[in-house]
Amino acid sequence: MSGGYCMVVQFGSAGAATLSSKPITFTAKAGLPVKLEPETMPATPTVSNTQRTNSRTLVKTLKLQLKDKFDNLTGENLKGKVVVKVTTPSEGIDEIPALTGNVYSLEVPLVKGVATVQNLLIQENTAGKDGQEYLLNFHTQIPPNSSPHPIPVFTLAFLFYNGKYPSVSCSADFLLHD
């Protein structure tokens, strides 16, 4: 882990005197960023294209952080952006839900290795296939030579329902009477 450390080296064997060095202090620094990860992994959102804001919310708050190959937070000197784009995991689906503002992608600032996505909603009455899984792809854009290779996209799947969530009362009723 990156951070400040203090180390003492000791040498000795059983029954013999132990030799100790003076304390040695050093700072381990994080490496170059290799991945973008959420601070805490969110649950899979389920949204509906109704008027209710709560039903259209994909993300309330999602803090994304750049990390090195040892999972240390990194990028404290980096500025860039994270592009959020709605896609589908399946070929042949041409109905993709739009985000608020009738857009399919947006940019979030990446400052000191952190990007915070807040209040991300789908557009009211947006198109989309009922019961379909869609993807939110979070693509990092940082200056060249800031990373040894392109940073993989972080993907968050979500479920879309056209108008309302599916009813579970029938299956619950079935379980109660079985």
Protein backbone atom coordinates (compact mmCIF):
# COMPACT_ATOMS: atom_id res chain seq x y z
CA MET A 1 0.00 0.00 0.00
CA SER A 2 1.22 3.49 -0.71
CA GLY A 3 1.91 5.85 2.18
CA GLY A 4 4.51 6.58 4.84
CA TYR A 5 6.36 3.78 6.57
CA CYS A 6 8.96 3.34 9.31
CA MET A 7 11.16 0.25 9.32
CA VAL A 8 13.71 -1.21 11.76
CA VAL A 9 15.98 -4.06 10.66
CA GLN A 10 16.97 -6.59 13.33
CA PHE A 11 19.42 -9.47 13.26
CA GLY A 12 19.99 -12.05 15.91
CA SER A 13 19.83 -15.71 16.75
CA ALA A 14 18.52 -17.61 19.75
CA GLY A 15 20.50 -16.82 22.88
CA ALA A 16 22.64 -14.19 21.14
CA ALA A 17 22.48 -10.42 21.27
CA THR A 18 20.16 -8.78 18.75
CA LEU A 19 21.44 -6.05 16.51
CA SER A 20 18.96 -3.32 15.50
CA SER A 21 19.26 -0.58 12.95
CA LYS A 22 18.14 2.99 13.45
CA PRO A 23 14.57 3.60 12.26
CA ILE A 24 14.38 4.06 8.49
CA THR A 25 11.47 6.14 7.19
CA PHE A 26 10.29 6.12 3.59
CA THR A 27 7.25 6.85 1.48
CA ALA A 28 5.85 4.29 -0.95
CA LYS A 29 4.15 6.04 -3.85
CA ALA A 30 1.27 4.74 -5.94
CA GLY A 31 2.05 3.60 -9.47
CA LEU A 32 0.47 4.70 -12.73
CA PRO A 33 -3.29 4.17 -13.07
CA VAL A 34 -4.38 0.90 -14.65
CA LYS A 35 -8.09 0.73 -13.74
CA LEU A 36 -11.15 2.78 -12.86
CA GLU A 37 -13.27 1.36 -10.03
CA PRO A 38 -16.16 2.53 -7.86
CA GLU A 39 -15.46 3.32 -4.22
CA THR A 40 -18.25 0.86 -3.40
CA MET A 41 -19.82 -1.46 -5.95
CA PRO A 42 -23.41 -0.34 -6.65
CA ALA A 43 -26.35 -2.70 -7.02
CA THR A 44 -27.80 -3.26 -10.49
CA PRO A 45 -30.26 -0.40 -11.07
CA THR A 46 -33.76 -1.12 -12.36
CA VAL A 47 -35.40 1.82 -14.12
CA SER A 48 -38.65 2.68 -15.83
CA ASN A 49 -39.35 5.53 -18.25
CA THR A 50 -42.23 6.96 -16.18
CA GLN A 51 -42.65 10.50 -14.84
CA ARG A 52 -41.42 9.54 -11.36
CA THR A 53 -37.81 10.62 -10.85
CA ASN A 54 -37.07 7.76 -8.44
CA SER A 55 -38.15 5.23 -11.08
CA ARG A 56 -35.77 6.77 -13.65
CA THR A 57 -32.68 7.03 -11.43
CA LEU A 58 -29.67 5.01 -12.61
CA VAL A 59 -27.16 6.50 -10.16
CA LYS A 60 -27.70 8.76 -7.13
CA THR A 61 -23.98 9.11 -6.36
CA LEU A 62 -21.14 7.01 -7.76
CA LYS A 63 -17.55 7.84 -6.87
CA LEU A 64 -15.11 6.38 -9.41
CA GLN A 65 -11.40 6.20 -8.55
CA LEU A 66 -8.24 5.54 -10.52
CA LYS A 67 -6.12 2.74 -9.02
CA ASP A 68 -2.71 1.26 -9.73
CA LYS A 69 -1.98 -2.46 -10.16
CA PHE A 70 -1.81 -2.91 -6.37
CA ASP A 71 -5.21 -1.20 -5.77
CA ASN A 72 -3.63 2.00 -4.44
CA LEU A 73 -5.51 5.20 -5.19
CA THR A 74 -3.56 7.09 -7.82
CA GLY A 75 -3.83 10.00 -10.24
CA GLU A 76 -3.64 12.77 -7.63
CA ASN A 77 -1.92 14.96 -10.26
CA LEU A 78 -4.23 13.98 -13.13
CA LYS A 79 -7.05 15.91 -14.70
CA GLY A 80 -9.25 14.41 -17.35
CA LYS A 81 -12.79 13.17 -17.77
CA VAL A 82 -14.94 10.11 -17.63
CA VAL A 83 -17.37 9.64 -20.52
CA VAL A 84 -20.57 7.83 -19.54
CA LYS A 85 -22.37 6.14 -22.43
CA VAL A 86 -25.52 4.00 -22.63
CA THR A 87 -25.12 0.86 -24.76
CA THR A 88 -26.68 -2.55 -25.18
CA PRO A 89 -24.91 -5.89 -24.62
CA SER A 90 -26.93 -7.52 -27.41
CA GLU A 91 -26.58 -7.12 -31.16
CA GLY A 92 -29.63 -6.05 -33.14
CA ILE A 93 -31.30 -3.93 -30.47
CA ASP A 94 -31.86 -0.47 -31.89
CA GLU A 95 -33.92 0.95 -29.01
CA ILE A 96 -31.50 2.45 -26.49
CA PRO A 97 -32.74 4.53 -23.55
CA ALA A 98 -31.61 8.17 -23.52
CA LEU A 99 -30.29 9.98 -20.47
CA THR A 100 -31.92 13.16 -19.14
CA GLY A 101 -31.60 15.87 -21.77
CA ASN A 102 -32.24 13.27 -24.50
CA VAL A 103 -28.51 12.41 -24.78
CA TYR A 104 -26.82 9.01 -24.93
CA SER A 105 -23.52 10.04 -23.35
CA LEU A 106 -22.18 12.69 -21.01
CA GLU A 107 -18.88 13.77 -19.52
CA VAL A 108 -17.91 13.94 -15.85
CA PRO A 109 -14.73 15.74 -14.71
CA LEU A 110 -11.91 13.57 -13.38
CA VAL A 111 -9.93 15.56 -10.81
CA LYS A 112 -7.09 14.15 -8.70
CA GLY A 113 -7.96 10.64 -9.91
CA VAL A 114 -11.62 10.83 -8.83
CA ALA A 115 -14.83 11.32 -10.82
CA THR A 116 -18.19 11.65 -9.06
CA VAL A 117 -21.33 10.87 -11.04
CA GLN A 118 -24.47 12.30 -9.43
CA ASN A 119 -28.18 12.14 -10.21
CA LEU A 120 -27.92 10.17 -13.45
CA LEU A 121 -31.41 9.48 -14.80
CA ILE A 122 -32.97 8.17 -17.98
CA GLN A 123 -35.15 10.54 -19.98
CA GLU A 124 -38.86 10.47 -19.24
CA ASN A 125 -40.73 8.48 -21.94
CA THR A 126 -37.47 7.38 -23.57
CA ALA A 127 -37.34 4.48 -25.98
CA GLY A 128 -36.11 1.11 -24.80
CA LYS A 129 -37.03 -2.55 -24.99
CA ASP A 130 -39.16 -3.70 -22.05
CA GLY A 131 -37.26 -6.05 -19.73
CA GLN A 132 -33.95 -5.47 -21.54
CA GLU A 133 -30.56 -5.21 -19.85
CA TYR A 134 -28.54 -2.17 -20.93
CA LEU A 135 -25.07 -0.99 -19.98
CA LEU A 136 -23.59 2.21 -18.62
CA ASN A 137 -19.97 2.33 -19.81
CA PHE A 138 -17.59 4.64 -17.95
CA HIS A 139 -14.60 5.41 -20.21
CA THR A 140 -11.59 7.25 -18.78
CA GLN A 141 -9.93 9.99 -20.83
CA ILE A 142 -6.62 11.14 -19.37
CA PRO A 143 -3.53 12.72 -20.94
CA PRO A 144 -1.27 10.44 -23.01
CA ASN A 145 1.61 8.81 -21.11
CA SER A 146 -0.41 8.97 -17.84
CA SER A 147 -0.98 5.23 -17.94
CA PRO A 148 1.06 2.31 -19.32
CA HIS A 149 -1.93 1.22 -21.44
CA PRO A 150 -5.55 2.30 -22.01
CA ILE A 151 -7.63 2.03 -18.85
CA PRO A 152 -10.38 -0.60 -19.20
CA VAL A 153 -13.96 0.62 -19.25
CA PHE A 154 -15.93 0.20 -16.02
CA THR A 155 -19.40 -1.16 -16.86
CA LEU A 156 -22.57 -1.03 -14.80
CA ALA A 157 -25.52 -3.06 -16.12
CA PHE A 158 -29.08 -1.87 -15.58
CA LEU A 159 -32.57 -3.23 -16.29
CA PHE A 160 -35.09 -1.17 -18.25
CA TYR A 161 -38.87 -1.41 -18.11
CA ASN A 162 -41.20 0.46 -20.41
CA GLY A 163 -43.75 2.25 -18.25
CA LYS A 164 -43.70 0.19 -15.07
CA TYR A 165 -41.83 -2.57 -13.29
CA PRO A 166 -43.05 -6.13 -13.86
CA SER A 167 -45.66 -7.32 -11.44
CA VAL A 168 -44.54 -9.93 -8.93
CA SER A 169 -47.91 -10.19 -7.22
CA CYS A 170 -48.96 -13.17 -9.34
CA SER A 171 -45.89 -15.21 -8.40
CA ALA A 172 -46.16 -14.13 -4.75
CA ASP A 173 -49.86 -15.07 -4.73
CA PHE A 174 -48.96 -18.43 -6.28
CA LEU A 175 -46.40 -19.08 -3.54
CA LEU A 176 -48.90 -18.20 -0.81
CA HIS A 177 -51.52 -20.65 -2.08
CA ASP A 178 -49.19 -23.54 -2.95
